Each structure stands twice: as C-alpha cells, then as structure tokens.
Protein backbone atom coordinates (compact mmCIF):
# COMPACT_ATOMS: atom_id res chain seq x y z
CA MET A 1 -30.97 -29.92 -23.32
CA VAL A 2 -33.56 -32.20 -24.85
CA ARG A 3 -31.99 -35.15 -23.41
CA ARG A 4 -31.23 -33.38 -20.03
CA ARG A 5 -34.97 -32.91 -19.85
CA ARG A 6 -36.08 -36.28 -20.58
CA LEU A 7 -33.90 -37.57 -17.96
CA LEU A 8 -34.87 -35.91 -15.12
CA LEU A 9 -38.55 -36.72 -16.02
CA VAL A 10 -37.88 -40.43 -16.33
CA ALA A 11 -36.11 -39.67 -12.51
CA LEU A 12 -39.41 -38.41 -11.30
CA MET A 13 -41.61 -41.94 -12.96
CA VAL A 14 -48.88 -42.05 -23.20
CA ALA A 15 -50.52 -39.70 -24.02
CA THR A 16 -53.16 -40.88 -26.17
CA GLY A 17 -56.32 -40.24 -28.04
CA LEU A 18 -59.57 -40.17 -27.76
CA SER A 19 -62.31 -40.16 -30.08
CA GLY A 20 -65.81 -41.65 -29.97
CA THR A 21 -69.48 -41.70 -30.67
CA ALA A 22 -72.90 -41.82 -28.98
CA VAL A 23 -73.71 -45.47 -27.68
CA ALA A 24 -76.65 -47.79 -26.17
CA GLN A 25 -79.41 -46.64 -24.13
CA GLY A 26 -80.12 -48.67 -20.57
CA GLN A 27 -76.49 -47.89 -19.57
CA PRO A 28 -74.65 -44.65 -18.39
CA PRO A 29 -73.64 -42.48 -21.32
CA SER A 30 -70.49 -43.38 -22.88
CA GLU A 31 -68.60 -43.00 -26.01
CA THR A 32 -66.90 -45.38 -28.15
CA CYS A 33 -63.16 -44.60 -27.84
CA TYR A 34 -59.52 -45.77 -28.87
CA LEU A 35 -56.07 -45.77 -26.75
CA ASP A 36 -52.56 -46.23 -28.10
CA GLY A 37 -51.13 -49.41 -27.76
CA TRP A 38 -54.49 -51.25 -27.95
CA GLY A 39 -56.50 -51.44 -30.86
CA ASP A 40 -59.74 -52.29 -29.79
CA PRO A 41 -62.45 -50.36 -29.46
CA LEU A 42 -63.38 -49.18 -25.85
CA ARG A 43 -66.30 -47.60 -23.96
CA CYS A 44 -65.57 -44.26 -22.55
CA TYR A 45 -67.33 -42.78 -19.99
CA ARG A 46 -67.40 -39.79 -17.89
CA VAL A 47 -67.97 -40.12 -14.15
CA PRO A 48 -69.61 -36.56 -12.21
CA LEU A 49 -68.33 -35.82 -9.01
CA ASP A 50 -69.75 -33.27 -8.36
CA GLY A 51 -74.05 -32.05 -8.58
CA ASP A 52 -73.74 -29.72 -11.26
CA GLY A 53 -71.28 -32.36 -13.25
CA LEU A 54 -68.55 -30.02 -14.38
CA GLU A 55 -66.07 -31.91 -12.49
CA ASN A 56 -65.73 -35.41 -14.34
CA LEU A 57 -63.58 -38.68 -14.18
CA ALA A 58 -62.78 -39.81 -17.49
CA VAL A 59 -62.75 -43.62 -17.49
CA MET A 60 -62.21 -46.32 -20.22
CA VAL A 61 -63.61 -49.80 -20.36
CA ALA A 62 -62.64 -52.92 -22.23
CA PRO A 63 -65.88 -54.81 -22.36
CA ALA A 64 -65.59 -58.82 -21.53
CA VAL A 65 -65.43 -60.57 -25.18
CA ASN A 66 -68.19 -63.25 -23.90
CA GLY A 67 -70.41 -60.99 -21.30
CA SER A 68 -69.61 -63.36 -18.92
CA GLY A 69 -70.45 -61.07 -16.05
CA ARG A 70 -67.31 -62.17 -14.44
CA GLU A 71 -66.01 -59.55 -11.46
CA PRO A 72 -64.05 -56.98 -13.90
CA LEU A 73 -60.54 -56.04 -13.12
CA TYR A 74 -60.13 -52.45 -12.31
CA LEU A 75 -56.09 -51.34 -13.67
CA LEU A 76 -54.64 -49.12 -11.49
CA ALA A 77 -51.41 -46.70 -12.39
CA GLY A 78 -48.07 -45.93 -10.75
CA GLY A 79 -46.34 -42.77 -10.34
CA PRO A 80 -47.78 -41.35 -8.60
CA GLY A 81 -49.01 -39.19 -11.21
CA GLN A 82 -49.50 -41.56 -14.32
CA ALA A 83 -52.90 -41.90 -15.63
CA ALA A 84 -54.90 -45.52 -15.35
CA SER A 85 -55.07 -44.61 -19.97
CA ASP A 86 -51.55 -45.30 -20.02
CA LEU A 87 -51.58 -48.53 -19.32
CA ALA A 88 -53.52 -49.52 -22.24
CA PRO A 89 -51.03 -51.37 -23.75
CA LEU A 90 -51.34 -53.98 -21.17
CA LEU A 91 -54.39 -55.02 -22.74
CA ASN A 92 -52.55 -57.28 -25.14
CA ALA A 93 -51.12 -59.35 -22.12
CA PHE A 94 -54.84 -59.72 -20.98
CA ARG A 95 -56.48 -60.69 -23.73
CA ARG A 96 -57.32 -64.20 -21.67
CA ILE A 97 -58.56 -61.96 -18.60
CA ASN A 98 -60.42 -59.96 -20.75
CA ARG A 99 -62.28 -62.96 -22.37
CA GLU A 100 -64.12 -63.34 -19.10
CA ARG A 101 -64.02 -59.73 -17.39
CA ALA A 102 -64.56 -56.23 -18.18
CA ILE A 103 -60.71 -54.48 -17.76
CA VAL A 104 -61.36 -50.98 -16.34
CA MET A 105 -59.03 -47.95 -16.62
CA ALA A 106 -59.87 -45.07 -14.41
CA ASP A 107 -57.59 -41.52 -14.50
CA ARG A 108 -57.38 -40.71 -11.39
CA ARG A 109 -57.80 -36.53 -10.44
CA GLY A 110 -55.33 -34.75 -11.64
CA ALA A 111 -53.67 -37.40 -14.51
CA GLY A 112 -54.32 -38.10 -17.57
CA ARG A 113 -57.67 -37.27 -18.99
CA SER A 114 -59.10 -36.53 -15.43
CA GLY A 115 -57.81 -33.12 -15.64
CA ALA A 116 -53.72 -33.61 -15.84
CA PHE A 117 -52.13 -31.48 -13.50
CA ARG A 118 -49.15 -30.99 -15.11
CA CYS A 119 -47.58 -27.84 -14.17
CA GLY A 120 -46.90 -26.77 -17.46
CA PHE A 121 -44.44 -29.35 -17.54
CA GLY A 122 -44.03 -32.01 -20.85
CA SER A 123 -41.34 -32.09 -23.45
CA ASP A 124 -39.96 -28.99 -22.44
CA MET A 125 -38.66 -29.90 -19.28
CA PRO A 126 -35.85 -27.57 -17.68
CA ALA A 127 -32.68 -29.18 -17.72
CA ASP A 128 -31.27 -28.54 -14.15
CA LEU A 129 -32.94 -28.94 -10.56
CA GLU A 130 -33.05 -25.11 -9.60
CA THR A 131 -35.29 -24.10 -12.67
CA PHE A 132 -37.55 -27.57 -12.24
CA SER A 133 -38.14 -26.15 -8.64
CA ARG A 134 -38.90 -22.50 -9.63
CA GLN A 135 -41.41 -24.13 -11.86
CA LEU A 136 -42.82 -26.34 -9.76
CA ALA A 137 -43.23 -23.41 -7.08
CA GLN A 138 -44.89 -20.98 -9.39
CA CYS A 139 -47.55 -24.19 -10.40
CA TYR A 140 -47.82 -24.14 -6.77
CA LEU A 141 -48.85 -21.07 -5.89
CA GLN A 142 -50.91 -21.04 -8.22
CA LYS A 143 -53.38 -24.20 -7.81
CA ALA A 144 -52.15 -24.76 -3.64
CA ASP A 145 -55.72 -25.50 -2.91
CA PHE A 146 -56.15 -28.20 -5.56
CA ALA A 147 -52.67 -29.67 -4.72
CA GLU A 148 -54.04 -29.65 -1.35
CA THR A 149 -57.34 -31.97 -2.59
CA LEU A 150 -55.19 -34.41 -4.24
CA SER A 151 -54.39 -37.69 -2.15
CA SER A 152 -54.62 -41.75 -2.03
CA ARG A 153 -57.85 -41.52 -0.01
CA GLN A 154 -59.43 -39.02 -2.60
CA THR A 155 -58.31 -41.54 -5.11
CA VAL A 156 -60.02 -44.26 -3.33
CA ALA A 157 -63.00 -42.87 -2.91
CA ASP A 158 -63.07 -42.37 -6.16
CA LEU A 159 -62.88 -45.46 -7.52
CA GLU A 160 -65.58 -46.48 -5.48
CA ARG A 161 -67.37 -43.92 -7.13
CA VAL A 162 -66.53 -45.34 -10.63
CA ARG A 163 -67.58 -48.92 -9.14
CA ARG A 164 -71.10 -47.45 -8.72
CA PHE A 165 -71.74 -45.83 -11.39
CA LEU A 166 -70.45 -48.90 -13.32
CA GLY A 167 -73.27 -50.61 -11.59
CA HIS A 168 -70.22 -53.25 -10.50
CA GLY A 169 -70.52 -55.28 -7.94
CA ARG A 170 -67.34 -56.68 -6.29
CA ILE A 171 -64.18 -55.83 -8.47
CA ALA A 172 -60.85 -57.01 -8.62
CA LEU A 173 -57.56 -54.62 -8.86
CA TRP A 174 -54.31 -55.15 -10.40
CA GLY A 175 -52.06 -52.41 -9.37
CA GLY A 176 -48.79 -52.12 -10.18
CA SER A 177 -45.58 -49.95 -8.31
CA TRP A 178 -47.22 -47.07 -6.25
CA GLY A 179 -50.61 -48.57 -8.09
CA THR A 180 -50.07 -51.53 -5.33
CA ARG A 181 -50.10 -49.08 -2.58
CA THR A 182 -53.50 -47.68 -4.04
CA ALA A 183 -54.51 -51.09 -3.92
CA LEU A 184 -53.61 -51.81 -0.09
CA LEU A 185 -55.29 -48.57 0.55
CA TYR A 186 -58.79 -49.76 -1.14
CA GLN A 187 -58.35 -52.93 0.20
CA GLN A 188 -58.37 -51.31 3.71
CA TRP A 189 -60.57 -48.63 3.29
CA GLN A 190 -63.61 -50.46 0.91
CA PRO A 191 -62.49 -54.09 1.75
CA GLU A 192 -66.17 -55.24 0.82
CA SER A 193 -66.00 -54.31 -2.90
CA LEU A 194 -62.99 -56.05 -3.48
CA SER A 195 -62.63 -59.83 -4.35
CA ALA A 196 -58.96 -60.14 -5.19
CA LEU A 197 -55.80 -58.17 -5.80
CA VAL A 198 -52.74 -58.65 -8.10
CA LEU A 199 -49.61 -56.66 -7.39
CA ASP A 200 -46.73 -56.40 -9.20
CA ALA A 201 -43.96 -54.38 -8.07
CA VAL A 202 -44.86 -54.02 -4.46
CA ALA A 203 -44.68 -50.92 -2.61
CA PRO A 204 -46.32 -51.64 1.02
CA ILE A 205 -48.39 -48.64 2.72
CA ASP A 206 -45.76 -48.84 5.56
CA THR A 207 -42.47 -49.34 3.32
CA LYS A 208 -40.65 -46.14 2.89
CA VAL A 209 -40.42 -46.53 -1.47
CA PHE A 210 -38.82 -42.88 -2.02
CA LEU A 211 -35.59 -44.56 0.25
CA THR A 212 -34.48 -46.24 -3.49
CA ALA A 213 -30.77 -46.20 -3.73
CA GLY A 214 -29.91 -49.48 -1.34
CA ALA A 215 -32.68 -51.01 -3.99
CA ALA A 216 -30.69 -50.21 -7.01
CA GLU A 217 -27.81 -51.28 -5.66
CA ASN A 218 -28.81 -54.67 -5.10
CA ALA A 219 -30.49 -55.05 -8.48
CA LEU A 220 -27.36 -53.59 -9.82
CA GLN A 221 -25.24 -56.34 -7.86
CA GLN A 222 -28.04 -58.46 -9.24
CA LEU A 223 -26.80 -57.74 -12.74
CA GLU A 224 -23.87 -57.81 -12.12
CA ARG A 225 -23.69 -61.55 -10.88
CA ASP A 226 -25.37 -62.79 -14.26
CA CYS A 227 -23.36 -60.84 -16.35
CA VAL A 228 -20.37 -62.69 -14.61
CA GLU A 229 -22.57 -66.23 -15.21
CA ASP A 230 -22.75 -65.09 -18.97
CA VAL A 231 -19.92 -66.07 -21.33
CA VAL A 232 -20.59 -63.15 -23.83
CA CYS A 233 -21.58 -61.00 -20.97
CA ALA A 234 -18.32 -61.69 -18.88
CA ARG A 235 -15.94 -60.68 -21.57
CA PHE A 236 -16.33 -57.19 -20.23
CA GLY A 237 -14.60 -57.81 -17.01
CA ASP A 238 -15.03 -55.28 -14.12
CA TRP A 239 -17.90 -52.76 -15.73
CA ARG A 240 -18.70 -52.04 -12.23
CA ARG A 241 -15.58 -50.66 -11.36
CA GLN A 242 -15.94 -48.63 -14.21
CA LEU A 243 -19.09 -47.40 -13.56
CA ASP A 244 -18.02 -46.26 -9.95
CA ARG A 245 -14.83 -44.86 -11.18
CA LEU A 246 -17.18 -42.94 -14.08
CA LEU A 247 -19.33 -41.29 -11.37
CA SER A 248 -16.85 -40.46 -9.02
CA GLN A 249 -14.51 -38.83 -11.67
CA TRP A 250 -17.51 -37.24 -13.50
CA ASP A 251 -16.75 -33.66 -14.04
CA ASP A 252 -17.32 -30.55 -16.27
CA GLY A 253 -15.50 -31.92 -19.06
CA ARG A 254 -17.28 -35.20 -19.33
CA ALA A 255 -20.49 -33.49 -18.66
CA ALA A 256 -20.37 -31.02 -21.46
CA ASN A 257 -18.80 -33.66 -24.03
CA PHE A 258 -21.81 -36.30 -23.14
CA PRO A 259 -23.23 -37.15 -26.51
CA ASP A 260 -26.51 -36.43 -27.61
CA PRO A 261 -28.25 -39.79 -28.12
CA LEU A 262 -29.40 -38.88 -31.71
CA THR A 263 -26.87 -36.86 -33.11
CA GLY A 264 -23.81 -37.73 -31.31
CA ALA A 265 -22.67 -34.29 -30.70
CA PRO A 266 -21.91 -32.30 -27.57
CA SER A 267 -25.25 -31.51 -26.11
CA GLU A 268 -26.11 -27.83 -25.57
CA GLN A 269 -26.24 -28.86 -21.92
CA PRO A 270 -23.90 -30.37 -19.52
CA LEU A 271 -25.27 -33.81 -18.29
CA ALA A 272 -24.98 -33.79 -14.32
CA ARG A 273 -23.75 -36.33 -12.36
CA TRP A 274 -26.98 -36.71 -10.67
CA ALA A 275 -29.12 -37.16 -13.90
CA LEU A 276 -26.30 -39.92 -15.10
CA ALA A 277 -26.68 -42.14 -11.82
CA ASN A 278 -30.54 -41.51 -12.62
CA ALA A 279 -30.14 -42.68 -15.92
CA ILE A 280 -28.59 -46.13 -14.98
CA ARG A 281 -30.83 -46.56 -12.43
CA THR A 282 -33.77 -46.27 -14.80
CA ALA A 283 -32.31 -48.52 -17.17
CA LEU A 284 -32.47 -51.07 -14.30
CA TYR A 285 -36.29 -50.66 -14.77
CA ASP A 286 -36.03 -52.51 -17.95
CA PRO A 287 -34.38 -56.07 -18.38
CA LYS A 288 -33.46 -55.07 -22.18
CA ALA A 289 -32.05 -51.71 -21.43
CA ALA A 290 -30.22 -53.25 -18.44
CA ALA A 291 -28.65 -55.96 -20.40
CA GLN A 292 -26.70 -53.22 -22.71
CA LEU A 293 -25.20 -51.94 -19.49
CA PRO A 294 -22.14 -53.65 -19.03
CA TYR A 295 -21.35 -53.37 -22.92
CA ALA A 296 -22.23 -49.42 -22.83
CA ILE A 297 -19.89 -49.06 -19.30
CA ASP A 298 -17.08 -50.71 -20.51
CA GLN A 299 -17.19 -48.87 -23.98
CA THR A 300 -16.87 -45.58 -21.70
CA ARG A 301 -13.48 -47.23 -20.53
CA LEU A 302 -12.38 -46.73 -24.30
CA GLY A 303 -13.72 -43.29 -24.73
CA ASN A 304 -16.65 -44.02 -26.54
CA TYR A 305 -20.22 -42.54 -24.44
CA ARG A 306 -22.38 -43.19 -27.48
CA PRO A 307 -23.72 -46.63 -26.11
CA LEU A 308 -24.50 -45.62 -22.64
CA SER A 309 -26.23 -41.95 -23.88
CA GLY A 310 -28.24 -44.05 -26.24
CA ILE A 311 -29.28 -46.13 -23.35
CA ALA A 312 -30.39 -42.68 -21.57
CA GLY A 313 -32.43 -41.96 -24.85
CA LEU A 314 -34.57 -45.05 -24.60
CA PHE A 315 -36.59 -43.68 -22.29
CA ALA A 316 -37.47 -40.15 -24.28
CA ASN A 317 -41.01 -41.59 -25.18
CA ARG A 318 -41.85 -41.26 -21.42
CA THR A 319 -41.60 -37.68 -21.51
CA ASP A 320 -45.37 -36.39 -21.27
CA SER A 321 -46.43 -39.64 -18.68
CA MET A 322 -46.24 -37.84 -15.38
CA ALA A 323 -48.51 -34.85 -14.11
CA MET A 324 -46.15 -34.00 -11.97
CA GLY A 325 -48.58 -31.30 -9.71
CA LEU A 326 -50.17 -34.90 -9.05
CA THR A 327 -46.77 -36.78 -8.83
CA PHE A 328 -45.68 -34.06 -5.50
CA SER A 329 -49.44 -33.64 -4.19
CA VAL A 330 -49.26 -37.50 -3.45
CA ALA A 331 -45.56 -38.04 -2.83
CA CYS A 332 -44.90 -34.75 -0.61
CA ALA A 333 -47.99 -36.01 1.75
CA GLU A 334 -47.61 -39.02 1.82
CA GLU A 335 -44.06 -40.32 1.29
CA LEU A 336 -41.56 -37.55 1.70
CA ASN A 337 -42.50 -36.05 4.81
CA ARG A 338 -42.06 -39.59 6.88
CA ILE A 339 -38.40 -40.33 5.91
CA SER A 340 -35.31 -38.84 7.60
CA GLY A 341 -32.30 -37.20 6.90
CA GLU A 342 -30.54 -40.28 8.85
CA GLU A 343 -32.21 -42.89 6.81
CA VAL A 344 -31.64 -41.03 3.61
CA ALA A 345 -27.80 -41.33 4.68
CA ALA A 346 -28.59 -44.58 6.02
CA ASP A 347 -29.98 -46.10 2.62
CA SER A 348 -27.31 -43.99 -0.16
CA ALA A 349 -24.35 -45.16 1.82
CA ASN A 350 -21.79 -47.13 -0.35
CA THR A 351 -24.10 -47.07 -3.53
CA PHE A 352 -23.95 -45.74 -7.14
CA LEU A 353 -26.77 -43.79 -6.81
CA GLY A 354 -26.58 -41.76 -3.79
CA THR A 355 -28.94 -39.35 -3.00
CA ALA A 356 -30.19 -38.74 -6.88
CA PHE A 357 -33.22 -39.72 -6.53
CA PHE A 358 -33.96 -38.69 -2.82
CA ASP A 359 -32.69 -35.13 -4.12
CA LEU A 360 -35.12 -34.45 -6.67
CA PHE A 361 -38.31 -35.25 -4.86
CA LYS A 362 -36.88 -33.31 -1.86
CA SER A 363 -35.86 -30.31 -3.68
CA GLY A 364 -39.83 -30.29 -5.47
CA CYS A 365 -41.12 -31.13 -1.67
CA GLU A 366 -39.42 -27.65 -0.29
CA VAL A 367 -41.65 -25.92 -2.80
CA TRP A 368 -44.82 -28.02 -2.65
CA PRO A 369 -45.72 -27.35 1.20
CA VAL A 370 -48.41 -29.96 0.91
CA GLN A 371 -50.17 -30.85 4.86
CA PRO A 372 -49.06 -34.78 5.58
CA LYS A 373 -51.54 -37.55 4.77
CA PRO A 374 -50.91 -40.28 7.17
CA TYR A 375 -52.45 -43.67 6.54
CA GLY A 376 -52.39 -45.23 9.79
CA ALA A 377 -51.42 -49.00 10.28
CA PRO A 378 -52.95 -51.51 7.90
CA GLU A 379 -55.31 -53.84 9.45
CA PRO A 380 -55.56 -57.78 8.69
CA ARG A 381 -57.51 -58.39 5.67
CA ASP A 382 -58.36 -62.03 4.01
CA GLN A 383 -58.82 -61.10 0.48
CA PRO A 384 -56.63 -63.63 -2.09
CA VAL A 385 -53.35 -61.40 -3.32
CA LEU A 386 -51.51 -62.35 -5.96
CA LEU A 387 -47.70 -60.66 -5.39
CA ILE A 388 -45.34 -60.21 -8.75
CA SER A 389 -41.85 -59.30 -8.09
CA GLY A 390 -38.57 -59.13 -10.25
CA ASP A 391 -35.57 -60.16 -8.08
CA ALA A 392 -33.36 -57.12 -10.07
CA ASP A 393 -35.87 -54.63 -9.53
CA PRO A 394 -34.36 -51.02 -8.23
CA ILE A 395 -37.18 -49.65 -6.71
CA THR A 396 -39.47 -52.16 -5.28
CA PRO A 397 -37.48 -55.59 -4.80
CA PRO A 398 -38.82 -59.00 -3.88
CA VAL A 399 -38.43 -58.37 0.06
CA TYR A 400 -41.29 -55.64 0.25
CA ALA A 401 -43.66 -58.11 -0.62
CA GLU A 402 -41.90 -61.12 1.41
CA ARG A 403 -42.08 -59.09 4.55
CA GLN A 404 -44.11 -56.36 4.93
CA LEU A 405 -47.13 -57.76 3.90
CA ASP A 406 -47.39 -60.22 6.81
CA TYR A 407 -51.05 -58.73 7.88
CA LEU A 408 -52.43 -60.52 4.34
CA SER A 409 -53.80 -64.02 5.03
CA ARG A 410 -54.03 -65.27 1.47
CA LYS A 411 -51.48 -64.06 -0.61
CA GLN A 412 -49.01 -66.10 -3.35
CA HIS A 413 -45.87 -64.65 -4.69
CA LEU A 414 -44.11 -64.90 -8.16
CA VAL A 415 -40.67 -63.93 -8.53
CA VAL A 416 -39.17 -63.83 -11.74
CA ALA A 417 -35.40 -64.20 -12.07
CA GLY A 418 -33.59 -61.18 -13.46
CA GLY A 419 -36.82 -59.35 -13.58
CA GLY A 420 -37.35 -55.28 -13.66
CA HIS A 421 -39.98 -53.30 -12.77
CA ILE A 422 -43.53 -54.39 -13.80
CA ASN A 423 -43.37 -58.07 -14.97
CA SER A 424 -47.06 -58.93 -15.29
CA PRO A 425 -46.88 -59.16 -19.63
CA ARG A 426 -43.43 -61.55 -19.20
CA GLY A 427 -43.47 -65.13 -20.34
CA CYS A 428 -46.24 -66.85 -18.14
CA ILE A 429 -47.54 -64.63 -15.88
CA PRO A 430 -50.71 -63.37 -17.79
CA GLU A 431 -51.87 -67.06 -18.04
CA LEU A 432 -50.90 -67.10 -14.14
CA ILE A 433 -52.86 -64.02 -13.53
CA ALA A 434 -56.00 -65.38 -15.71
CA ARG A 435 -55.91 -68.42 -13.23
CA PHE A 436 -55.53 -66.21 -10.04
CA LEU A 437 -58.71 -64.48 -10.95
CA ASP A 438 -60.64 -67.08 -11.71
CA SER A 439 -59.83 -69.45 -8.56
CA PRO A 440 -58.50 -67.06 -6.08
CA GLY A 441 -58.32 -69.69 -3.50
CA LYS A 442 -56.55 -72.14 -5.22
CA PRO A 443 -52.76 -72.47 -5.12
CA LEU A 444 -50.86 -71.77 -8.21
CA ASP A 445 -48.76 -74.35 -9.68
CA ASP A 446 -45.80 -71.38 -11.12
CA SER A 447 -42.82 -73.44 -12.30
CA CYS A 448 -43.23 -71.64 -15.78
CA VAL A 449 -41.79 -68.80 -14.07
CA ALA A 450 -38.84 -70.45 -13.66
CA GLU A 451 -38.54 -70.11 -17.41
CA ILE A 452 -38.30 -66.43 -17.65
CA ARG A 453 -34.84 -65.24 -18.02
CA ARG A 454 -33.24 -62.33 -18.78
CA PRO A 455 -32.77 -60.83 -22.40
CA PRO A 456 -29.22 -61.51 -23.73
CA PHE A 457 -26.33 -59.19 -23.22
CA MET A 458 -25.47 -56.92 -25.75
CA ALA A 459 -22.35 -58.50 -27.25
CA ASP A 460 -21.20 -55.33 -28.96
CA ALA A 461 -22.36 -52.04 -31.34
CA PHE A 462 -24.25 -54.73 -33.13
CA GLY A 463 -26.82 -56.29 -30.47
CA PRO A 464 -26.46 -59.34 -28.63
CA ALA A 465 -24.19 -62.18 -29.68
CA LEU A 466 -26.04 -64.67 -32.30
CA ASP A 467 -23.95 -67.58 -31.03
CA MET A 468 -25.30 -67.81 -27.38
CA GLY A 469 -22.35 -70.45 -26.87
CA GLY A 470 -19.93 -67.61 -26.57
CA ALA A 471 -18.09 -68.05 -30.11
CA GLU A 472 -16.35 -64.85 -30.69
CA GLN A 473 -18.78 -62.56 -33.59
C-alpha cells in the first residue's frame, strides 16, 4: 500500500528542518537556519502579508559570500505545489553564483513553511483514485475560500512583496518546471523589477503542459534510440515492444503480484495500470532512472518484476514534497480548465502513457471547482533569458522553449542530449548559468554542453557494465 501511495503522489509532482537564533540590527528581523541538502547557514525571514502580521511568507536567503551587492537570484519551485525551500540542494551546484549573489528561496502561500496546504496528504496517500478524490473533496469543502485565493498572480504579487521587504532592486529569476511559468508571468506583470531569467524545463504561458502523453512518448522513443546505439543496452532487444505488451496485458493477477520494492513480496494493494504507466513516465524525468528501464522491462519478459518495482521505489522520498491543496488550486484554475477532451484524445493516442497522467488531475479537479484564472496573451519582453532543456524530458520538451517564446527578443537555448527534467546541476550548466548572469547580453560559448551524456545503461542486476566497450560481464 505504501508503494501505491508513493506512486500516486509521484504522478502528481524534502521536507526540511528549521532552526535559528536572533540576528543583526539594521536589517529586517531574521534567524539563522539550515535546510536539508545545504550545509551552510541561511538567513530566514518571515515576510508579513497583512497589517496584523498573522499571515506571513517563509523566506530563506543564502547571502552572497563576498557581499558584492550584485542582483540576487530568486529560485522558483515547480509543481505547482512544491516549496522553494525544497530547492536547497541546488545551492551546491550554484556555489559560484552564490559567491557574487544572494540566492533567495521564498515559499509561496500554501507551500512549505508558508502554511503548506496539504489536505492531510503526505506519506499516507490513498492507494486509489476514488479514495484520493474523496479526501480531496473533503479538503475543498473545508477550505474552499482559501483554495479560491491561491493563484499565480497572487504568487507574483507576493514575490514583489518579498523583493521590497528585503530591500532588493532588480532581481534575476531561476525557475524550474512550473517555476518557469511563474517566472514568465513575473516578467509579464513586473518587468521593471527583473534583470534576467534562467528557465529550466520550460512551461510557456500559452502551452498546455498537462497534455504530457506525447512528450512522454517522445522521451521514451529517444531512450529507445540511445539504447540501440549502446552496445550494452542493445542486448535487451525490443524491450519497448515488451513494455507495450506488459501494459496492454496488465490484469488483476499481475497487479496483485507486483512485488513491493523493499520486501519483494506481493504488495498489500494491487498496482493499477495507470500507476504503472505513471511510474514509467516518472522514471524518464531522471536520466539515471531512465538508464535502468530497458533492463528492468526486459526482465519482466522473464517473469522477474523486481527491477521494475525497484525503479518505482526510487521515488519514495518525494512523498511529502507537494502541497496537494495548492497543486489543485493552481492546476485546476490555470491549466486543466483550458484543455478539451479532444486535445486529451489527440495527445494520448498511440502513447504508452495514454490518459493515465491526465486522468489523475481530471478526477481531482472535478471535486476542486475553483474558478478559471486565465492569464491573457503574453506581450513582448526584452530581458535576457537563458533557456535550458533536456531532449528526453517527458513533460517539458525542447520544442516548448523553441516554438512558444517568440515574444522574447533576447534568448539563448541550451539543449542537453539525453537530458531529462531539470538539467541545471549537470555538467557545465552551472558555470554557463553563472556566466550568463554576469553578462546577460553576451552570447555563451555552449560547446561544453555536448560533453554531457546519459549515465551508462544498466547491464544486469549488478548495475552498469564496467567494460563500456561491451564485453560480457
């Protein structure tokens, strides 16, 4: 049951600790604090949202090491429903940036330390869509007014409030996944406050990113092509056909006997087909997990489901990273309401995922009836923008950045071969981001991006082949 609950929450996509002491005078009151994944001390603030100070935002700042006073970089999390404080591990890749610039993480309303709107979900996620929708409906009835207030426009206004509270002038934004949508909206609505944007896994304002079946299919096909070119992976033959056969023949017997990733014994709750398809999709986010898929799927041909179950278990640590109330408040009002049934059918046709991902949100939005909150067409903007994509990203492929952002006049695009979802920490990308922020109008020499490769494919139960020339192990 725990595995099923984990898969349900992963299909939607670390909690951290806070401690501190009083700090210096002459600045907004703050505490020294720490976040999981980053060992250095941070300055943590509570930014009031109303006159009486009862409602506030949690803001965590990694001060610039040399105090140079350059424009700070704000990190915007994805989801929608993830907290910016969950991005603390990214600071390790951004150490060079942090030498010159403060890095700011502001948890949006309803996320993380800003009153996480979880609806009671966490490690005890329901194991089926019916129970999930029922619990979600109960949460909405209890907090319908609050759910209606949450929106991207509110988040942009709150970011402005944080910027003024901290005394910052113009700022730079890094956004990942849905955070790129927030960054692009900030650019539309607060352009005078913005110096530059870094957008990783781009979700353009006018793109319906929850139509993800086609993107997931393209990512899987890219994995197939790369596998054929690899002497180790090519030994698994037509594993894609085996996956299609597995999904088409998934029945109650297979579902009931799918092993628990920890014990290997049949799980307490059967694994539904939609959950299995979403587990495959989620593995494609991470190149290391994707590199295990051909072997794991080929093993199912032999009756061994343990490797595939293990891949699903890789994502167990994300079970508490999304605030479900926030996720559905934003997704239902700003994304799901503008997608038609015809578009879903066209996107899902001839794909391994089908409607498995969309159905999860559709069932949730049916019991979360927030009003639509359209954005309006984007207007031309001239702030420098660095776009980053993985060519095997199963939800925000490079085509989104290439075709949907014509209104941006000063943009550069880095595409990582074999890259999944979020590539900022990989290879030379952190260095290129730092150079871009230092000289936003200067073209980057991005030749080093071609050196970033997929992790080696898994060869057998012991992992990748040590002899990359393809000798038998």
